[in-house]
Amino acid sequence: MSIVKKQLIRYATSVGANLAEGSGGSSRKDFLYYLCISRKSCYETVYWLRIVNSRIDS
């Protein structure tokens, strides 16, 4: 499996996993912490999608 595919799967699945973990948190602080991590994973997913897109366009 290519590194791009592995990274894309890793970060894309991390978004939902962190949202789920934050929803089960014991405080608002926990929820916001995991929400921030999830947001960062979204940005990383977009990065890897751009890499894939640039390879397709080439």
Protein backbone atom coordinates (compact mmCIF):
# COMPACT_ATOMS: atom_id res chain seq x y z
CA MET A 1 0.00 0.00 0.00
CA SER A 2 1.42 3.39 -0.92
CA ILE A 3 2.40 5.90 1.75
CA VAL A 4 -0.20 8.37 0.45
CA LYS A 5 -2.99 5.80 0.72
CA LYS A 6 -1.91 4.82 4.25
CA GLN A 7 -1.75 8.43 5.41
CA LEU A 8 -5.07 9.32 3.82
CA ILE A 9 -6.81 6.39 5.52
CA ARG A 10 -5.10 7.17 8.84
CA TYR A 11 -6.12 10.82 8.98
CA ALA A 12 -9.59 10.41 7.47
CA THR A 13 -10.55 7.74 9.98
CA SER A 14 -9.00 9.74 12.80
CA VAL A 15 -11.57 12.52 12.32
CA GLY A 16 -14.53 10.35 13.28
CA ALA A 17 -12.64 8.48 15.97
CA ASN A 18 -11.68 11.68 17.75
CA LEU A 19 -15.19 13.10 17.49
CA ALA A 20 -16.55 9.91 19.04
CA GLU A 21 -13.97 9.99 21.81
CA GLY A 22 -14.71 13.65 22.54
CA SER A 23 -18.44 13.02 22.67
CA GLY A 24 -17.84 10.44 25.37
CA GLY A 25 -15.64 12.78 27.38
CA SER A 26 -16.40 13.68 30.94
CA SER A 27 -16.20 17.44 30.48
CA ARG A 28 -16.51 20.27 28.00
CA LYS A 29 -12.73 20.60 28.14
CA ASP A 30 -12.34 16.96 27.00
CA PHE A 31 -14.83 17.51 24.19
CA LEU A 32 -13.04 20.63 22.94
CA TYR A 33 -9.66 18.91 23.13
CA TYR A 34 -10.80 16.07 20.87
CA LEU A 35 -12.68 18.48 18.62
CA CYS A 36 -9.39 20.34 18.02
CA ILE A 37 -7.56 17.10 17.25
CA SER A 38 -10.34 16.14 14.85
CA ARG A 39 -10.07 19.50 13.10
CA LYS A 40 -6.32 19.02 12.65
CA SER A 41 -6.96 15.59 11.18
CA CYS A 42 -9.36 17.20 8.70
CA TYR A 43 -6.60 19.56 7.56
CA GLU A 44 -4.18 16.65 7.20
CA THR A 45 -6.76 14.73 5.18
CA VAL A 46 -7.18 17.70 2.85
CA TYR A 47 -3.39 17.84 2.45
CA TRP A 48 -3.20 14.18 1.38
CA LEU A 49 -6.19 14.61 -0.95
CA ARG A 50 -4.35 17.47 -2.65
CA ILE A 51 -1.33 15.21 -3.11
CA VAL A 52 -3.55 12.56 -4.72
CA ASN A 53 -5.22 15.18 -6.91
CA SER A 54 -1.88 16.55 -8.08
CA ARG A 55 -0.76 13.04 -9.05
CA ILE A 56 -3.95 12.49 -11.03
CA ASP A 57 -3.56 15.81 -12.85
CA SER A 58 0.07 15.05 -13.78
